[in-house]
Amino acid sequence: QKIIELGGEVRFNSKVTDIIVEGHKLTGLEI
């Protein structure tokens, strides 16, 4: 709740099934 109050967000039932990498750099996630 404190994280949310401070502007963060929490998402449940959200499994990261892949990572997106371009040129050895992370650019995104697949959920």
PDB file of all heavy atoms in Angstrom:
ATOM      1  N   GLN A   1       0.825  -1.206   0.000  1.00  0.00           N
ATOM      2  CA  GLN A   1       0.000   0.000   0.000  1.00  0.00           C
ATOM      3  C   GLN A   1       0.865   1.265   0.000  1.00  0.00           C
ATOM      4  O   GLN A   1       0.538   2.255  -0.662  1.00  0.00           O
ATOM      5  CB  GLN A   1      -0.935   0.001   1.210  1.00  0.00           C
ATOM      6  CG  GLN A   1      -2.105  -0.960   1.085  1.00  0.00           C
ATOM      7  CD  GLN A   1      -2.934  -0.700  -0.160  1.00  0.00           C
ATOM      8  OE1 GLN A   1      -3.145  -1.587  -0.982  1.00  0.00           O
ATOM      9  NE2 GLN A   1      -3.403   0.535  -0.328  1.00  0.00           N
ATOM     10  N   LYS A   2       1.970   1.237   0.731  1.00  0.00           N
ATOM     11  CA  LYS A   2       2.869   2.394   0.753  1.00  0.00           C
ATOM     12  C   LYS A   2       3.481   2.633  -0.627  1.00  0.00           C
ATOM     13  O   LYS A   2       3.602   3.782  -1.081  1.00  0.00           O
ATOM     14  CB  LYS A   2       3.957   2.190   1.804  1.00  0.00           C
ATOM     15  CG  LYS A   2       4.993   3.299   1.879  1.00  0.00           C
ATOM     16  CD  LYS A   2       4.376   4.667   2.107  1.00  0.00           C
ATOM     17  CE  LYS A   2       3.745   4.807   3.480  1.00  0.00           C
ATOM     18  NZ  LYS A   2       3.265   6.200   3.730  1.00  0.00           N
ATOM     19  N   ILE A   3       3.884   1.561  -1.301  1.00  0.00           N
ATOM     20  CA  ILE A   3       4.434   1.697  -2.658  1.00  0.00           C
ATOM     21  C   ILE A   3       3.412   2.358  -3.577  1.00  0.00           C
ATOM     22  O   ILE A   3       3.734   3.261  -4.359  1.00  0.00           O
ATOM     23  CB  ILE A   3       4.864   0.320  -3.203  1.00  0.00           C
ATOM     24  CG1 ILE A   3       6.088  -0.199  -2.439  1.00  0.00           C
ATOM     25  CG2 ILE A   3       5.166   0.394  -4.704  1.00  0.00           C
ATOM     26  CD1 ILE A   3       6.445  -1.642  -2.740  1.00  0.00           C
ATOM     27  N   ILE A   4       2.166   1.936  -3.468  1.00  0.00           N
ATOM     28  CA  ILE A   4       1.103   2.500  -4.312  1.00  0.00           C
ATOM     29  C   ILE A   4       0.863   3.964  -3.957  1.00  0.00           C
ATOM     30  O   ILE A   4       0.726   4.819  -4.840  1.00  0.00           O
ATOM     31  CB  ILE A   4      -0.184   1.663  -4.170  1.00  0.00           C
ATOM     32  CG1 ILE A   4       0.038   0.260  -4.760  1.00  0.00           C
ATOM     33  CG2 ILE A   4      -1.355   2.353  -4.862  1.00  0.00           C
ATOM     34  CD1 ILE A   4      -1.080  -0.721  -4.470  1.00  0.00           C
ATOM     35  N   GLU A   5       0.828   4.274  -2.660  1.00  0.00           N
ATOM     36  CA  GLU A   5       0.636   5.661  -2.221  1.00  0.00           C
ATOM     37  C   GLU A   5       1.728   6.583  -2.773  1.00  0.00           C
ATOM     38  O   GLU A   5       1.477   7.758  -3.065  1.00  0.00           O
ATOM     39  CB  GLU A   5       0.652   5.741  -0.690  1.00  0.00           C
ATOM     40  CG  GLU A   5      -0.583   5.199  -0.010  1.00  0.00           C
ATOM     41  CD  GLU A   5      -0.410   5.176   1.499  1.00  0.00           C
ATOM     42  OE1 GLU A   5       0.511   5.855   2.005  1.00  0.00           O
ATOM     43  OE2 GLU A   5      -1.187   4.471   2.171  1.00  0.00           O
ATOM     44  N   LEU A   6       2.930   6.038  -2.909  1.00  0.00           N
ATOM     45  CA  LEU A   6       4.067   6.832  -3.371  1.00  0.00           C
ATOM     46  C   LEU A   6       4.175   6.889  -4.894  1.00  0.00           C
ATOM     47  O   LEU A   6       5.137   7.426  -5.426  1.00  0.00           O
ATOM     48  CB  LEU A   6       5.366   6.260  -2.783  1.00  0.00           C
ATOM     49  CG  LEU A   6       5.519   6.396  -1.260  1.00  0.00           C
ATOM     50  CD1 LEU A   6       6.665   5.531  -0.755  1.00  0.00           C
ATOM     51  CD2 LEU A   6       5.735   7.858  -0.872  1.00  0.00           C
ATOM     52  N   GLY A   7       3.185   6.337  -5.592  1.00  0.00           N
ATOM     53  CA  GLY A   7       3.170   6.433  -7.047  1.00  0.00           C
ATOM     54  C   GLY A   7       3.533   5.167  -7.784  1.00  0.00           C
ATOM     55  O   GLY A   7       3.529   5.141  -9.023  1.00  0.00           O
ATOM     56  N   GLY A   8       3.861   4.102  -7.057  1.00  0.00           N
ATOM     57  CA  GLY A   8       4.172   2.828  -7.698  1.00  0.00           C
ATOM     58  C   GLY A   8       2.912   2.055  -8.046  1.00  0.00           C
ATOM     59  O   GLY A   8       1.782   2.463  -7.737  1.00  0.00           O
ATOM     60  N   GLU A   9       3.108   0.913  -8.678  1.00  0.00           N
ATOM     61  CA  GLU A   9       1.994   0.051  -9.065  1.00  0.00           C
ATOM     62  C   GLU A   9       2.395  -1.394  -8.839  1.00  0.00           C
ATOM     63  O   GLU A   9       3.557  -1.770  -9.048  1.00  0.00           O
ATOM     64  CB  GLU A   9       1.637   0.279 -10.545  1.00  0.00           C
ATOM     65  CG  GLU A   9       0.451  -0.549 -11.024  1.00  0.00           C
ATOM     66  CD  GLU A   9       0.161  -0.373 -12.508  1.00  0.00           C
ATOM     67  OE1 GLU A   9       0.829   0.472 -13.153  1.00  0.00           O
ATOM     68  OE2 GLU A   9      -0.716  -1.099 -13.031  1.00  0.00           O
ATOM     69  N   VAL A  10       1.436  -2.209  -8.411  1.00  0.00           N
ATOM     70  CA  VAL A  10       1.681  -3.636  -8.198  1.00  0.00           C
ATOM     71  C   VAL A  10       0.643  -4.416  -8.992  1.00  0.00           C
ATOM     72  O   VAL A  10      -0.562  -4.198  -8.836  1.00  0.00           O
ATOM     73  CB  VAL A  10       1.594  -4.012  -6.704  1.00  0.00           C
ATOM     74  CG1 VAL A  10       1.899  -5.505  -6.525  1.00  0.00           C
ATOM     75  CG2 VAL A  10       2.540  -3.163  -5.870  1.00  0.00           C
ATOM     76  N   ARG A  11       1.112  -5.311  -9.854  1.00  0.00           N
ATOM     77  CA  ARG A  11       0.207  -6.151 -10.647  1.00  0.00           C
ATOM     78  C   ARG A  11       0.419  -7.610 -10.268  1.00  0.00           C
ATOM     79  O   ARG A  11       1.540  -8.131 -10.372  1.00  0.00           O
ATOM     80  CB  ARG A  11       0.471  -5.973 -12.136  1.00  0.00           C
ATOM     81  CG  ARG A  11       0.205  -4.570 -12.654  1.00  0.00           C
ATOM     82  CD  ARG A  11       0.443  -4.514 -14.161  1.00  0.00           C
ATOM     83  NE  ARG A  11       0.452  -3.134 -14.641  1.00  0.00           N
ATOM     84  CZ  ARG A  11       0.772  -2.776 -15.880  1.00  0.00           C
ATOM     85  NH1 ARG A  11       1.108  -3.724 -16.776  1.00  0.00           N
ATOM     86  NH2 ARG A  11       0.767  -1.508 -16.240  1.00  0.00           N
ATOM     87  N   PHE A  12      -0.655  -8.253  -9.854  1.00  0.00           N
ATOM     88  CA  PHE A  12      -0.612  -9.672  -9.511  1.00  0.00           C
ATOM     89  C   PHE A  12      -1.009 -10.520 -10.722  1.00  0.00           C
ATOM     90  O   PHE A  12      -1.493  -9.998 -11.730  1.00  0.00           O
ATOM     91  CB  PHE A  12      -1.524  -9.954  -8.318  1.00  0.00           C
ATOM     92  CG  PHE A  12      -1.094  -9.227  -7.070  1.00  0.00           C
ATOM     93  CD1 PHE A  12      -1.836  -8.166  -6.566  1.00  0.00           C
ATOM     94  CD2 PHE A  12       0.077  -9.588  -6.418  1.00  0.00           C
ATOM     95  CE1 PHE A  12      -1.426  -7.484  -5.426  1.00  0.00           C
ATOM     96  CE2 PHE A  12       0.501  -8.916  -5.278  1.00  0.00           C
ATOM     97  CZ  PHE A  12      -0.264  -7.858  -4.785  1.00  0.00           C
ATOM     98  N   ASN A  13      -0.765 -11.821 -10.600  1.00  0.00           N
ATOM     99  CA  ASN A  13      -1.076 -12.775 -11.675  1.00  0.00           C
ATOM    100  C   ASN A  13      -0.430 -12.317 -12.986  1.00  0.00           C
ATOM    101  O   ASN A  13      -1.010 -12.460 -14.060  1.00  0.00           O
ATOM    102  CB  ASN A  13      -2.597 -12.921 -11.838  1.00  0.00           C
ATOM    103  CG  ASN A  13      -3.266 -13.297 -10.527  1.00  0.00           C
ATOM    104  OD1 ASN A  13      -2.897 -14.287  -9.903  1.00  0.00           O
ATOM    105  ND2 ASN A  13      -4.235 -12.493 -10.099  1.00  0.00           N
ATOM    106  N   SER A  14       0.791 -11.795 -12.858  1.00  0.00           N
ATOM    107  CA  SER A  14       1.525 -11.257 -14.015  1.00  0.00           C
ATOM    108  C   SER A  14       2.886 -11.931 -14.086  1.00  0.00           C
ATOM    109  O   SER A  14       3.860 -11.465 -13.498  1.00  0.00           O
ATOM    110  CB  SER A  14       1.677  -9.739 -13.884  1.00  0.00           C
ATOM    111  OG  SER A  14       0.420  -9.096 -13.870  1.00  0.00           O
ATOM    112  N   LYS A  15       2.940 -13.019 -14.807  1.00  0.00           N
ATOM    113  CA  LYS A  15       4.156 -13.825 -14.925  1.00  0.00           C
ATOM    114  C   LYS A  15       4.963 -13.376 -16.134  1.00  0.00           C
ATOM    115  O   LYS A  15       4.434 -13.294 -17.257  1.00  0.00           O
ATOM    116  CB  LYS A  15       3.782 -15.295 -15.058  1.00  0.00           C
ATOM    117  CG  LYS A  15       4.941 -16.250 -15.232  1.00  0.00           C
ATOM    118  CD  LYS A  15       4.393 -17.669 -15.334  1.00  0.00           C
ATOM    119  CE  LYS A  15       5.469 -18.677 -15.637  1.00  0.00           C
ATOM    120  NZ  LYS A  15       4.903 -20.053 -15.747  1.00  0.00           N
ATOM    121  N   VAL A  16       6.223 -13.068 -15.922  1.00  0.00           N
ATOM    122  CA  VAL A  16       7.102 -12.701 -17.040  1.00  0.00           C
ATOM    123  C   VAL A  16       7.524 -13.986 -17.745  1.00  0.00           C
ATOM    124  O   VAL A  16       8.236 -14.817 -17.182  1.00  0.00           O
ATOM    125  CB  VAL A  16       8.313 -11.902 -16.550  1.00  0.00           C
ATOM    126  CG1 VAL A  16       9.323 -11.711 -17.686  1.00  0.00           C
ATOM    127  CG2 VAL A  16       7.868 -10.540 -16.023  1.00  0.00           C
ATOM    128  N   THR A  17       7.052 -14.140 -18.971  1.00  0.00           N
ATOM    129  CA  THR A  17       7.311 -15.365 -19.728  1.00  0.00           C
ATOM    130  C   THR A  17       8.454 -15.228 -20.729  1.00  0.00           C
ATOM    131  O   THR A  17       8.913 -16.223 -21.289  1.00  0.00           O
ATOM    132  CB  THR A  17       6.027 -15.804 -20.462  1.00  0.00           C
ATOM    133  OG1 THR A  17       5.456 -14.656 -21.120  1.00  0.00           O
ATOM    134  CG2 THR A  17       5.009 -16.360 -19.471  1.00  0.00           C
ATOM    135  N   ASP A  18       8.915 -13.996 -20.942  1.00  0.00           N
ATOM    136  CA  ASP A  18      10.062 -13.795 -21.827  1.00  0.00           C
ATOM    137  C   ASP A  18      10.635 -12.404 -21.574  1.00  0.00           C
ATOM    138  O   ASP A  18       9.955 -11.521 -21.030  1.00  0.00           O
ATOM    139  CB  ASP A  18       9.655 -13.916 -23.298  1.00  0.00           C
ATOM    140  CG  ASP A  18      10.823 -14.315 -24.208  1.00  0.00           C
ATOM    141  OD1 ASP A  18      11.974 -14.367 -23.706  1.00  0.00           O
ATOM    142  OD2 ASP A  18      10.586 -14.561 -25.404  1.00  0.00           O
ATOM    143  N   ILE A  19      11.892 -12.219 -21.949  1.00  0.00           N
ATOM    144  CA  ILE A  19      12.499 -10.894 -21.935  1.00  0.00           C
ATOM    145  C   ILE A  19      12.855 -10.517 -23.354  1.00  0.00           C
ATOM    146  O   ILE A  19      13.157 -11.386 -24.191  1.00  0.00           O
ATOM    147  CB  ILE A  19      13.747 -10.835 -21.025  1.00  0.00           C
ATOM    148  CG1 ILE A  19      14.820 -11.838 -21.483  1.00  0.00           C
ATOM    149  CG2 ILE A  19      13.371 -11.057 -19.575  1.00  0.00           C
ATOM    150  CD1 ILE A  19      16.151 -11.702 -20.743  1.00  0.00           C
ATOM    151  N   ILE A  20      12.795  -9.225 -23.660  1.00  0.00           N
ATOM    152  CA  ILE A  20      13.110  -8.728 -24.999  1.00  0.00           C
ATOM    153  C   ILE A  20      14.469  -8.053 -24.926  1.00  0.00           C
ATOM    154  O   ILE A  20      14.664  -7.106 -24.154  1.00  0.00           O
ATOM    155  CB  ILE A  20      12.030  -7.746 -25.480  1.00  0.00           C
ATOM    156  CG1 ILE A  20      10.657  -8.443 -25.484  1.00  0.00           C
ATOM    157  CG2 ILE A  20      12.360  -7.222 -26.880  1.00  0.00           C
ATOM    158  CD1 ILE A  20       9.493  -7.495 -25.644  1.00  0.00           C
ATOM    159  N   VAL A  21      15.416  -8.582 -25.679  1.00  0.00           N
ATOM    160  CA  VAL A  21      16.797  -8.112 -25.638  1.00  0.00           C
ATOM    161  C   VAL A  21      17.222  -7.681 -27.032  1.00  0.00           C
ATOM    162  O   VAL A  21      17.036  -8.415 -28.003  1.00  0.00           O
ATOM    163  CB  VAL A  21      17.749  -9.210 -25.113  1.00  0.00           C
ATOM    164  CG1 VAL A  21      19.192  -8.713 -25.093  1.00  0.00           C
ATOM    165  CG2 VAL A  21      17.318  -9.661 -23.708  1.00  0.00           C
ATOM    166  N   GLU A  22      17.782  -6.478 -27.128  1.00  0.00           N
ATOM    167  CA  GLU A  22      18.305  -5.978 -28.403  1.00  0.00           C
ATOM    168  C   GLU A  22      19.722  -5.475 -28.169  1.00  0.00           C
ATOM    169  O   GLU A  22      19.939  -4.570 -27.357  1.00  0.00           O
ATOM    170  CB  GLU A  22      17.420  -4.846 -28.928  1.00  0.00           C
ATOM    171  CG  GLU A  22      15.984  -5.285 -29.228  1.00  0.00           C
ATOM    172  CD  GLU A  22      15.094  -4.139 -29.666  1.00  0.00           C
ATOM    173  OE1 GLU A  22      15.619  -3.007 -29.826  1.00  0.00           O
ATOM    174  OE2 GLU A  22      13.878  -4.371 -29.829  1.00  0.00           O
ATOM    175  N   GLY A  23      20.669  -6.108 -28.850  1.00  0.00           N
ATOM    176  CA  GLY A  23      22.060  -5.700 -28.700  1.00  0.00           C
ATOM    177  C   GLY A  23      22.572  -5.826 -27.272  1.00  0.00           C
ATOM    178  O   GLY A  23      23.261  -4.938 -26.776  1.00  0.00           O
ATOM    179  N   HIS A  24      22.254  -6.928 -26.633  1.00  0.00           N
ATOM    180  CA  HIS A  24      22.671  -7.207 -25.261  1.00  0.00           C
ATOM    181  C   HIS A  24      22.110  -6.193 -24.252  1.00  0.00           C
ATOM    182  O   HIS A  24      22.650  -6.025 -23.162  1.00  0.00           O
ATOM    183  CB  HIS A  24      24.204  -7.247 -25.142  1.00  0.00           C
ATOM    184  CG  HIS A  24      24.839  -8.329 -25.951  1.00  0.00           C
ATOM    185  ND1 HIS A  24      24.749  -9.664 -25.614  1.00  0.00           N
ATOM    186  CD2 HIS A  24      25.551  -8.265 -27.112  1.00  0.00           C
ATOM    187  CE1 HIS A  24      25.389 -10.384 -26.517  1.00  0.00           C
ATOM    188  NE2 HIS A  24      25.885  -9.568 -27.439  1.00  0.00           N
ATOM    189  N   LYS A  25      21.012  -5.532 -24.635  1.00  0.00           N
ATOM    190  CA  LYS A  25      20.341  -4.605 -23.728  1.00  0.00           C
ATOM    191  C   LYS A  25      18.876  -5.003 -23.571  1.00  0.00           C
ATOM    192  O   LYS A  25      18.212  -5.339 -24.557  1.00  0.00           O
ATOM    193  CB  LYS A  25      20.427  -3.167 -24.251  1.00  0.00           C
ATOM    194  CG  LYS A  25      21.821  -2.584 -24.268  1.00  0.00           C
ATOM    195  CD  LYS A  25      21.787  -1.147 -24.771  1.00  0.00           C
ATOM    196  CE  LYS A  25      23.187  -0.542 -24.790  1.00  0.00           C
ATOM    197  NZ  LYS A  25      23.161   0.871 -25.285  1.00  0.00           N
ATOM    198  N   LEU A  26      18.384  -4.936 -22.362  1.00  0.00           N
ATOM    199  CA  LEU A  26      16.970  -5.199 -22.106  1.00  0.00           C
ATOM    200  C   LEU A  26      16.137  -4.042 -22.651  1.00  0.00           C
ATOM    201  O   LEU A  26      16.418  -2.872 -22.375  1.00  0.00           O
ATOM    202  CB  LEU A  26      16.728  -5.334 -20.595  1.00  0.00           C
ATOM    203  CG  LEU A  26      15.272  -5.565 -20.178  1.00  0.00           C
ATOM    204  CD1 LEU A  26      14.858  -6.997 -20.508  1.00  0.00           C
ATOM    205  CD2 LEU A  26      15.086  -5.284 -18.688  1.00  0.00           C
ATOM    206  N   THR A  27      15.107  -4.384 -23.428  1.00  0.00           N
ATOM    207  CA  THR A  27      14.192  -3.341 -23.928  1.00  0.00           C
ATOM    208  C   THR A  27      12.752  -3.586 -23.504  1.00  0.00           C
ATOM    209  O   THR A  27      11.923  -2.680 -23.606  1.00  0.00           O
ATOM    210  CB  THR A  27      14.249  -3.242 -25.457  1.00  0.00           C
ATOM    211  OG1 THR A  27      13.854  -4.498 -26.034  1.00  0.00           O
ATOM    212  CG2 THR A  27      15.655  -2.874 -25.935  1.00  0.00           C
ATOM    213  N   GLY A  28      12.456  -4.802 -23.043  1.00  0.00           N
ATOM    214  CA  GLY A  28      11.078  -5.052 -22.643  1.00  0.00           C
ATOM    215  C   GLY A  28      10.867  -6.447 -22.092  1.00  0.00           C
ATOM    216  O   GLY A  28      11.785  -7.275 -22.041  1.00  0.00           O
ATOM    217  N   LEU A  29       9.624  -6.704 -21.688  1.00  0.00           N
ATOM    218  CA  LEU A  29       9.231  -7.976 -21.092  1.00  0.00           C
ATOM    219  C   LEU A  29       7.962  -8.487 -21.771  1.00  0.00           C
ATOM    220  O   LEU A  29       7.134  -7.691 -22.236  1.00  0.00           O
ATOM    221  CB  LEU A  29       8.939  -7.799 -19.599  1.00  0.00           C
ATOM    222  CG  LEU A  29       9.996  -7.097 -18.745  1.00  0.00           C
ATOM    223  CD1 LEU A  29       9.446  -6.831 -17.350  1.00  0.00           C
ATOM    224  CD2 LEU A  29      11.267  -7.932 -18.679  1.00  0.00           C
ATOM    225  N   GLU A  30       7.833  -9.793 -21.808  1.00  0.00           N
ATOM    226  CA  GLU A  30       6.572 -10.410 -22.211  1.00  0.00           C
ATOM    227  C   GLU A  30       5.890 -10.955 -20.960  1.00  0.00           C
ATOM    228  O   GLU A  30       6.525 -11.607 -20.142  1.00  0.00           O
ATOM    229  CB  GLU A  30       6.834 -11.556 -23.197  1.00  0.00           C
ATOM    230  CG  GLU A  30       5.565 -12.252 -23.660  1.00  0.00           C
ATOM    231  CD  GLU A  30       5.860 -13.481 -24.502  1.00  0.00           C
ATOM    232  OE1 GLU A  30       6.093 -14.562 -23.911  1.00  0.00           O
ATOM    233  OE2 GLU A  30       5.888 -13.341 -25.741  1.00  0.00           O
ATOM    234  N   ILE A  31       4.609 -10.658 -20.818  1.00  0.00           N
ATOM    235  CA  ILE A  31       3.875 -11.035 -19.612  1.00  0.00           C
ATOM    236  C   ILE A  31       2.733 -11.962 -19.987  1.00  0.00           C
ATOM    237  O   ILE A  31       1.920 -11.654 -20.878  1.00  0.00           O
ATOM    238  CB  ILE A  31       3.330  -9.787 -18.884  1.00  0.00           C
ATOM    239  CG1 ILE A  31       4.485  -8.834 -18.546  1.00  0.00           C
ATOM    240  CG2 ILE A  31       2.582 -10.178 -17.614  1.00  0.00           C
ATOM    241  CD1 ILE A  31       4.045  -7.488 -18.054  1.00  0.00           C
TER     242      ILE A  31
END
